[in-house]
C-alpha cells in the first residue's frame, strides 16, 4: 500500500475507503511560540476518504448512541460510550 502511494497511485479497500496523495503548496505559517512568520515548504500528504459502507456503519452507530439503543456486540460500557469493554 505504501509503495503504491509513493508511486502516486490511488489505493482502494472496498467497503472501507480509499487513500491518495494530496499536494500542498508552500505557504506562510506562524510559529505559535514566537508569533513570527515562517515559510512552510511544499509537501505531499496522504488523504483518506471513507467508503460508503464504513460511513453507513458509523452513522448507524452514532444514531443508536444518540437514541440510547446501542448494539450489545459493540461492547459499550453502560456508564458512557467513551469506555469500550473488551470481550474475553
C-alpha atoms as a PDB file:
ATOM      1  CA  UNK A   1       0.000   0.000   0.000  1.00  0.00           C
ATOM      2  CA  UNK A   2       2.785   2.420   0.919  1.00  0.00           C
ATOM      3  CA  UNK A   3       4.696   1.655  -2.274  1.00  0.00           C
ATOM      4  CA  UNK A   4       1.599   2.325  -4.379  1.00  0.00           C
ATOM      5  CA  UNK A   5       1.028   5.682  -2.684  1.00  0.00           C
ATOM      6  CA  UNK A   6       4.688   6.609  -3.149  1.00  0.00           C
ATOM      7  CA  UNK A   7       4.254   5.827  -6.865  1.00  0.00           C
ATOM      8  CA  UNK A   8       1.304   8.254  -6.941  1.00  0.00           C
ATOM      9  CA  UNK A   9      -1.376   5.600  -7.273  1.00  0.00           C
ATOM     10  CA  UNK A  10      -4.736   5.614  -5.504  1.00  0.00           C
ATOM     11  CA  UNK A  11      -5.338   2.669  -3.152  1.00  0.00           C
ATOM     12  CA  UNK A  12      -8.884   1.449  -2.540  1.00  0.00           C
ATOM     13  CA  UNK A  13     -10.078  -1.043   0.059  1.00  0.00           C
ATOM     14  CA  UNK A  14     -13.646  -1.955  -0.890  1.00  0.00           C
ATOM     15  CA  UNK A  15     -16.179  -1.179   1.807  1.00  0.00           C
ATOM     16  CA  UNK A  16     -13.576   0.690   3.877  1.00  0.00           C
ATOM     17  CA  UNK A  17     -12.264   3.618   1.848  1.00  0.00           C
ATOM     18  CA  UNK A  18      -9.502   4.905  -0.371  1.00  0.00           C
ATOM     19  CA  UNK A  19      -6.156   6.595   0.075  1.00  0.00           C
ATOM     20  CA  UNK A  20      -4.459   9.030  -2.267  1.00  0.00           C
ATOM     21  CA  UNK A  21      -1.692  11.599  -2.107  1.00  0.00           C
ATOM     22  CA  UNK A  22      -2.571  15.313  -1.981  1.00  0.00           C
ATOM     23  CA  UNK A  23      -0.153  18.075  -2.892  1.00  0.00           C
ATOM     24  CA  UNK A  24       0.131  21.029  -0.528  1.00  0.00           C
ATOM     25  CA  UNK A  25       1.887  24.089  -1.958  1.00  0.00           C
ATOM     26  CA  UNK A  26       4.284  26.137   0.155  1.00  0.00           C
ATOM     27  CA  UNK A  27       2.686  28.795   2.329  1.00  0.00           C
ATOM     28  CA  UNK A  28       3.388  31.293   5.065  1.00  0.00           C
ATOM     29  CA  UNK A  29       2.644  29.932   8.535  1.00  0.00           C
ATOM     30  CA  UNK A  30       3.105  31.274  12.038  1.00  0.00           C
ATOM     31  CA  UNK A  31       5.297  29.960  14.827  1.00  0.00           C
ATOM     32  CA  UNK A  32       2.858  29.619  17.764  1.00  0.00           C
ATOM     33  CA  UNK A  33       5.578  30.208  20.379  1.00  0.00           C
ATOM     34  CA  UNK A  34       7.210  33.333  18.962  1.00  0.00           C
ATOM     35  CA  UNK A  35       4.460  34.590  16.640  1.00  0.00           C
ATOM     36  CA  UNK A  36       6.931  35.113  13.797  1.00  0.00           C
ATOM     37  CA  UNK A  37       6.037  34.191  10.214  1.00  0.00           C
ATOM     38  CA  UNK A  38       7.738  31.100   8.796  1.00  0.00           C
ATOM     39  CA  UNK A  39       7.696  29.541   5.358  1.00  0.00           C
ATOM     40  CA  UNK A  40       6.119  26.089   5.347  1.00  0.00           C
ATOM     41  CA  UNK A  41       7.607  24.126   2.435  1.00  0.00           C
ATOM     42  CA  UNK A  42       5.523  22.314  -0.155  1.00  0.00           C
ATOM     43  CA  UNK A  43       4.836  18.666   0.559  1.00  0.00           C
ATOM     44  CA  UNK A  44       2.690  15.666  -0.279  1.00  0.00           C
ATOM     45  CA  UNK A  45       0.364  14.210   2.344  1.00  0.00           C
ATOM     46  CA  UNK A  46      -1.772  11.052   2.421  1.00  0.00           C
ATOM     47  CA  UNK A  47      -5.531  11.630   2.277  1.00  0.00           C
ATOM     48  CA  UNK A  48      -8.204   9.120   3.316  1.00  0.00           C
ATOM     49  CA  UNK A  49     -11.770   9.113   2.047  1.00  0.00           C
ATOM     50  CA  UNK A  50     -14.157   6.767   3.860  1.00  0.00           C
ATOM     51  CA  UNK A  51     -16.140   4.317   1.721  1.00  0.00           C
ATOM     52  CA  UNK A  52     -19.928   4.202   1.705  1.00  0.00           C
ATOM     53  CA  UNK A  53     -20.158   1.031   3.812  1.00  0.00           C
ATOM     54  CA  UNK A  54     -17.897   2.471   6.517  1.00  0.00           C
ATOM     55  CA  UNK A  55     -19.860   5.746   6.555  1.00  0.00           C
ATOM     56  CA  UNK A  56     -23.177   3.880   6.850  1.00  0.00           C
ATOM     57  CA  UNK A  57     -21.934   1.731   9.742  1.00  0.00           C
ATOM     58  CA  UNK A  58     -20.536   4.711  11.633  1.00  0.00           C
ATOM     59  CA  UNK A  59     -23.725   6.696  11.021  1.00  0.00           C
ATOM     60  CA  UNK A  60     -25.911   3.851  12.312  1.00  0.00           C
ATOM     61  CA  UNK A  61     -23.706   3.540  15.405  1.00  0.00           C
ATOM     62  CA  UNK A  62     -23.899   7.300  16.043  1.00  0.00           C
ATOM     63  CA  UNK A  63     -27.688   7.225  15.585  1.00  0.00           C
ATOM     64  CA  UNK A  64     -28.014   4.316  18.035  1.00  0.00           C
ATOM     65  CA  UNK A  65     -25.819   6.181  20.509  1.00  0.00           C
ATOM     66  CA  UNK A  66     -27.979   9.299  20.223  1.00  0.00           C
ATOM     67  CA  UNK A  67     -31.177   7.275  20.710  1.00  0.00           C
ATOM     68  CA  UNK A  68     -29.826   5.300  23.657  1.00  0.00           C
ATOM     69  CA  UNK A  69     -30.040   1.923  21.905  1.00  0.00           C
ATOM     70  CA  UNK A  70     -26.531   0.619  21.307  1.00  0.00           C
ATOM     71  CA  UNK A  71     -25.979  -2.878  19.930  1.00  0.00           C
ATOM     72  CA  UNK A  72     -24.573  -5.146  22.652  1.00  0.00           C
ATOM     73  CA  UNK A  73     -21.887  -6.541  20.341  1.00  0.00           C
ATOM     74  CA  UNK A  74     -20.105  -3.177  20.322  1.00  0.00           C
ATOM     75  CA  UNK A  75     -19.164  -3.726  23.973  1.00  0.00           C
ATOM     76  CA  UNK A  76     -20.081  -0.259  25.174  1.00  0.00           C
ATOM     77  CA  UNK A  77     -19.686   0.479  28.855  1.00  0.00           C
ATOM     78  CA  UNK A  78     -23.087   1.210  30.463  1.00  0.00           C
ATOM     79  CA  UNK A  79     -21.844   4.468  32.025  1.00  0.00           C
ATOM     80  CA  UNK A  80     -20.755   6.058  28.767  1.00  0.00           C
ATOM     81  CA  UNK A  81     -19.670   5.470  25.199  1.00  0.00           C
ATOM     82  CA  UNK A  82     -16.076   6.572  25.905  1.00  0.00           C
ATOM     83  CA  UNK A  83     -15.241   3.385  27.860  1.00  0.00           C
ATOM     84  CA  UNK A  84     -15.311   0.400  25.494  1.00  0.00           C
ATOM     85  CA  UNK A  85     -15.264  -3.069  27.053  1.00  0.00           C
ATOM     86  CA  UNK A  86     -13.178  -5.947  25.757  1.00  0.00           C
ATOM     87  CA  UNK A  87     -14.569  -9.385  25.067  1.00  0.00           C
ATOM     88  CA  UNK A  88     -12.670 -12.354  26.557  1.00  0.00           C
END
